Every structure is written in C-alpha cells, then in structure tokens.
N, C-alpha and C. Protein backbone atom coordinates (compact mmCIF):
# COMPACT_ATOMS: atom_id res chain seq x y z
N MET A 1 121.72 -121.43 -80.30
CA MET A 1 122.06 -120.13 -80.85
C MET A 1 120.78 -119.30 -81.01
N SER A 2 120.77 -118.09 -80.52
CA SER A 2 119.57 -117.27 -80.59
C SER A 2 119.37 -116.72 -81.98
N GLN A 3 118.12 -116.41 -82.32
CA GLN A 3 117.81 -115.84 -83.60
C GLN A 3 118.31 -114.40 -83.65
N PRO A 4 118.78 -113.96 -84.80
CA PRO A 4 119.28 -112.61 -84.93
C PRO A 4 118.13 -111.58 -84.89
N GLN A 5 118.44 -110.41 -84.33
CA GLN A 5 117.45 -109.35 -84.25
C GLN A 5 118.00 -108.11 -84.98
N ILE A 6 117.05 -107.34 -85.53
CA ILE A 6 117.36 -106.05 -86.12
C ILE A 6 116.45 -105.02 -85.51
N THR A 7 116.79 -103.76 -85.65
CA THR A 7 115.91 -102.68 -85.24
C THR A 7 115.34 -102.03 -86.52
N VAL A 8 114.04 -101.95 -86.60
CA VAL A 8 113.38 -101.32 -87.72
C VAL A 8 112.87 -99.96 -87.31
N LEU A 9 113.24 -98.92 -88.07
CA LEU A 9 112.77 -97.58 -87.82
C LEU A 9 111.68 -97.25 -88.85
N TYR A 10 110.55 -96.81 -88.36
CA TYR A 10 109.43 -96.43 -89.23
C TYR A 10 109.29 -94.92 -89.25
N PHE A 11 109.15 -94.35 -90.44
CA PHE A 11 108.98 -92.92 -90.60
C PHE A 11 107.68 -92.64 -91.37
N ALA A 12 107.16 -91.44 -91.18
CA ALA A 12 106.04 -90.94 -91.98
C ALA A 12 104.87 -91.94 -92.04
N ALA A 13 104.44 -92.30 -93.25
CA ALA A 13 103.27 -93.16 -93.40
C ALA A 13 103.46 -94.57 -92.78
N ALA A 14 104.69 -95.06 -92.80
CA ALA A 14 104.95 -96.37 -92.21
C ALA A 14 104.78 -96.30 -90.69
N SER A 15 105.17 -95.21 -90.07
CA SER A 15 104.96 -95.03 -88.63
C SER A 15 103.47 -94.89 -88.31
N THR A 16 102.76 -94.15 -89.14
CA THR A 16 101.33 -93.98 -88.92
C THR A 16 100.62 -95.32 -89.05
N ALA A 17 100.97 -96.14 -90.04
CA ALA A 17 100.31 -97.42 -90.26
C ALA A 17 100.56 -98.40 -89.12
N THR A 18 101.82 -98.46 -88.66
CA THR A 18 102.15 -99.45 -87.63
C THR A 18 101.90 -98.97 -86.22
N GLY A 19 101.81 -97.61 -86.04
CA GLY A 19 101.67 -97.04 -84.72
C GLY A 19 102.98 -97.05 -83.96
N LEU A 20 104.09 -97.27 -84.67
CA LEU A 20 105.41 -97.37 -84.06
C LEU A 20 106.39 -96.47 -84.78
N THR A 21 107.42 -96.06 -84.07
CA THR A 21 108.54 -95.39 -84.70
C THR A 21 109.76 -96.29 -84.75
N GLU A 22 109.74 -97.31 -83.89
CA GLU A 22 110.89 -98.22 -83.79
C GLU A 22 110.39 -99.58 -83.33
N GLN A 23 110.99 -100.64 -83.84
CA GLN A 23 110.58 -101.98 -83.44
C GLN A 23 111.77 -102.91 -83.51
N SER A 24 111.95 -103.72 -82.50
CA SER A 24 112.96 -104.77 -82.51
C SER A 24 112.31 -106.00 -83.13
N VAL A 25 112.91 -106.52 -84.18
CA VAL A 25 112.36 -107.65 -84.93
C VAL A 25 113.34 -108.81 -84.92
N THR A 26 112.85 -109.98 -84.58
CA THR A 26 113.63 -111.20 -84.68
C THR A 26 113.53 -111.77 -86.08
N LEU A 27 114.66 -111.91 -86.72
CA LEU A 27 114.67 -112.42 -88.10
C LEU A 27 114.37 -113.93 -88.10
N PRO A 28 113.66 -114.41 -89.11
CA PRO A 28 113.35 -115.85 -89.17
C PRO A 28 114.52 -116.73 -89.55
N ALA A 29 115.62 -116.14 -90.00
CA ALA A 29 116.81 -116.88 -90.40
C ALA A 29 118.05 -116.06 -90.10
N SER A 30 119.19 -116.73 -89.92
CA SER A 30 120.43 -116.02 -89.59
C SER A 30 121.00 -115.25 -90.76
N GLN A 31 120.64 -115.62 -91.97
CA GLN A 31 120.99 -114.88 -93.17
C GLN A 31 119.70 -114.54 -93.86
N TYR A 32 119.20 -113.32 -93.68
CA TYR A 32 117.87 -112.97 -94.19
C TYR A 32 117.99 -111.86 -95.21
N PRO A 33 117.49 -112.09 -96.44
CA PRO A 33 117.61 -111.09 -97.49
C PRO A 33 116.73 -109.87 -97.21
N LEU A 34 117.29 -108.69 -97.41
CA LEU A 34 116.51 -107.47 -97.24
C LEU A 34 115.30 -107.49 -98.17
N SER A 35 115.44 -108.11 -99.32
CA SER A 35 114.33 -108.19 -100.27
C SER A 35 113.13 -108.91 -99.71
N SER A 36 113.31 -109.74 -98.69
CA SER A 36 112.18 -110.47 -98.04
C SER A 36 111.63 -109.75 -96.82
N LEU A 37 112.28 -108.68 -96.38
CA LEU A 37 111.87 -108.04 -95.15
C LEU A 37 110.49 -107.37 -95.28
N SER A 38 110.20 -106.83 -96.42
CA SER A 38 108.92 -106.16 -96.64
C SER A 38 107.74 -107.10 -96.32
N SER A 39 107.75 -108.26 -96.93
CA SER A 39 106.62 -109.21 -96.70
C SER A 39 106.61 -109.70 -95.25
N PHE A 40 107.79 -109.81 -94.64
CA PHE A 40 107.82 -110.24 -93.23
C PHE A 40 107.22 -109.16 -92.33
N LEU A 41 107.53 -107.87 -92.57
CA LEU A 41 106.96 -106.80 -91.79
C LEU A 41 105.46 -106.71 -91.98
N VAL A 42 105.00 -106.93 -93.19
CA VAL A 42 103.55 -106.90 -93.46
C VAL A 42 102.87 -108.02 -92.67
N SER A 43 103.52 -109.18 -92.53
CA SER A 43 102.94 -110.28 -91.76
C SER A 43 102.84 -109.93 -90.26
N LEU A 44 103.74 -109.07 -89.81
CA LEU A 44 103.70 -108.63 -88.40
C LEU A 44 102.63 -107.55 -88.20
N HIS A 45 102.31 -106.82 -89.25
CA HIS A 45 101.33 -105.72 -89.18
C HIS A 45 100.32 -105.87 -90.32
N PRO A 46 99.46 -106.91 -90.22
CA PRO A 46 98.48 -107.13 -91.31
C PRO A 46 97.35 -106.11 -91.28
N ASP A 47 96.77 -105.91 -92.44
CA ASP A 47 95.55 -105.11 -92.57
C ASP A 47 95.67 -103.64 -92.14
N VAL A 48 96.88 -103.07 -92.26
CA VAL A 48 97.04 -101.64 -91.95
C VAL A 48 97.52 -100.87 -93.17
N GLY A 49 97.65 -101.54 -94.34
CA GLY A 49 98.10 -100.88 -95.54
C GLY A 49 99.61 -100.75 -95.66
N LEU A 50 100.34 -101.47 -94.81
CA LEU A 50 101.80 -101.36 -94.81
C LEU A 50 102.37 -101.87 -96.15
N ASP A 51 101.73 -102.87 -96.74
CA ASP A 51 102.24 -103.43 -98.01
C ASP A 51 102.31 -102.37 -99.10
N LYS A 52 101.26 -101.53 -99.21
CA LYS A 52 101.28 -100.48 -100.23
C LYS A 52 102.32 -99.43 -99.91
N ILE A 53 102.50 -99.11 -98.66
CA ILE A 53 103.51 -98.12 -98.25
C ILE A 53 104.91 -98.60 -98.57
N LEU A 54 105.17 -99.87 -98.29
CA LEU A 54 106.52 -100.41 -98.49
C LEU A 54 106.83 -100.55 -99.99
N GLN A 55 105.84 -100.70 -100.84
CA GLN A 55 106.07 -100.79 -102.28
C GLN A 55 106.70 -99.54 -102.84
N SER A 56 106.40 -98.39 -102.26
CA SER A 56 106.95 -97.13 -102.77
C SER A 56 108.04 -96.55 -101.86
N SER A 57 108.46 -97.31 -100.88
CA SER A 57 109.48 -96.82 -99.95
C SER A 57 110.86 -97.32 -100.32
N GLN A 58 111.86 -96.65 -99.76
CA GLN A 58 113.24 -97.07 -99.92
C GLN A 58 113.70 -97.58 -98.53
N TRP A 59 114.86 -98.19 -98.52
CA TRP A 59 115.42 -98.75 -97.29
C TRP A 59 116.78 -98.15 -97.04
N SER A 60 117.11 -98.02 -95.76
CA SER A 60 118.49 -97.75 -95.39
C SER A 60 118.89 -98.78 -94.34
N VAL A 61 120.14 -99.18 -94.40
CA VAL A 61 120.68 -100.14 -93.43
C VAL A 61 121.89 -99.48 -92.80
N ASN A 62 121.83 -99.36 -91.47
CA ASN A 62 122.91 -98.70 -90.71
C ASN A 62 123.23 -97.30 -91.31
N ALA A 63 122.16 -96.55 -91.55
CA ALA A 63 122.20 -95.17 -92.02
C ALA A 63 122.78 -95.00 -93.42
N GLU A 64 122.79 -96.06 -94.21
CA GLU A 64 123.23 -95.95 -95.60
C GLU A 64 122.10 -96.40 -96.52
N MET A 65 121.74 -95.54 -97.45
CA MET A 65 120.65 -95.88 -98.38
C MET A 65 121.02 -97.11 -99.21
N VAL A 66 120.02 -97.95 -99.43
CA VAL A 66 120.19 -99.16 -100.19
C VAL A 66 119.67 -98.95 -101.63
N ASP A 67 120.52 -99.16 -102.61
CA ASP A 67 120.12 -99.01 -104.00
C ASP A 67 119.47 -100.29 -104.52
N ASN A 68 120.01 -101.44 -104.11
CA ASN A 68 119.49 -102.72 -104.62
C ASN A 68 119.26 -103.66 -103.45
N VAL A 69 117.99 -103.86 -103.07
CA VAL A 69 117.66 -104.72 -101.91
C VAL A 69 118.11 -106.16 -102.13
N GLU A 70 118.25 -106.58 -103.37
CA GLU A 70 118.66 -107.96 -103.68
C GLU A 70 120.10 -108.23 -103.24
N GLU A 71 120.88 -107.17 -103.06
CA GLU A 71 122.31 -107.33 -102.74
C GLU A 71 122.61 -107.30 -101.25
N VAL A 72 121.58 -107.07 -100.41
CA VAL A 72 121.80 -106.91 -98.98
C VAL A 72 121.24 -108.12 -98.20
N THR A 73 122.08 -108.68 -97.35
CA THR A 73 121.64 -109.77 -96.48
C THR A 73 121.79 -109.31 -95.03
N LEU A 74 120.70 -109.41 -94.29
CA LEU A 74 120.69 -109.02 -92.88
C LEU A 74 121.20 -110.21 -92.05
N LYS A 75 122.08 -109.91 -91.09
CA LYS A 75 122.65 -110.95 -90.25
C LYS A 75 122.33 -110.77 -88.79
N GLY A 76 121.70 -109.65 -88.46
CA GLY A 76 121.39 -109.33 -87.04
C GLY A 76 122.25 -108.16 -86.59
N GLY A 77 121.64 -107.30 -85.79
CA GLY A 77 122.33 -106.16 -85.26
C GLY A 77 122.20 -104.90 -86.09
N GLU A 78 121.62 -105.03 -87.30
CA GLU A 78 121.48 -103.86 -88.18
C GLU A 78 120.32 -102.98 -87.72
N GLU A 79 120.43 -101.72 -88.12
CA GLU A 79 119.33 -100.79 -87.95
C GLU A 79 118.80 -100.50 -89.37
N VAL A 80 117.56 -100.91 -89.59
CA VAL A 80 116.95 -100.81 -90.92
C VAL A 80 115.83 -99.77 -90.87
N ALA A 81 115.89 -98.78 -91.77
CA ALA A 81 114.90 -97.75 -91.77
C ALA A 81 114.03 -97.84 -93.02
N VAL A 82 112.73 -97.63 -92.82
CA VAL A 82 111.79 -97.55 -93.93
C VAL A 82 111.66 -96.07 -94.29
N ILE A 83 112.09 -95.71 -95.47
CA ILE A 83 112.10 -94.29 -95.92
C ILE A 83 110.95 -94.12 -96.93
N CYS A 84 109.90 -93.49 -96.45
CA CYS A 84 108.73 -93.28 -97.31
C CYS A 84 108.93 -92.09 -98.24
N PRO A 85 108.32 -92.10 -99.40
CA PRO A 85 108.40 -90.92 -100.26
C PRO A 85 107.78 -89.71 -99.60
N VAL A 86 108.36 -88.59 -99.87
CA VAL A 86 107.89 -87.32 -99.28
C VAL A 86 107.50 -86.39 -100.41
N SER A 87 106.33 -85.79 -100.29
CA SER A 87 105.96 -84.79 -101.27
C SER A 87 105.95 -83.43 -100.64
N GLY A 88 106.13 -82.45 -101.42
CA GLY A 88 106.13 -81.10 -100.90
C GLY A 88 106.30 -80.10 -102.03
N GLY A 89 106.22 -78.85 -101.65
CA GLY A 89 106.33 -77.88 -102.72
C GLY A 89 107.13 -76.71 -102.30
C-alpha cells in the first residue's frame, strides 16, 4: 500500500521561506495529525525560518479554515494551505 500524499500550498512568508507555492508531500503515516504537520514541514525545509512562520500561521484543509489542529487527521488527498498572518493598514 502506498503512502498517502497531500498537497501543501504556501502563501506569503511561507512561500518566500520555502521557495515554493505548492508541494506534494508524502505523509509518514496513513493517519497523520495536522498538529504534527508543522514539525514535519520544518524537517523538509530546515534552516529557512519556517518554524517561526508556522507558529503564527493558520491552516486550511480542503479550503476550510481549521480552528483546532488537534481535531484534524490527514488521510491523504487533502489540500492543506499555510495561511500566514497579514498586516496592513
């Protein structure tokens, strides 16, 4: 059985840090908690400051904002977006 994959969309500072706007990621387990995705993405992109960016970012899964990352389990096929805070006036 093949490992599940998700599509990660990077916006704003996350895109700048990774140099990507989109990435196909193979999950390390068939039931992978969204709460663990941040550290997994940082391991894929070390030393670019992504950890600090993700600490203040929100997530969306399949175009729906996630209020509590502890309640979401990724199974493969999802589109997960990193939504960075935006400032403006």
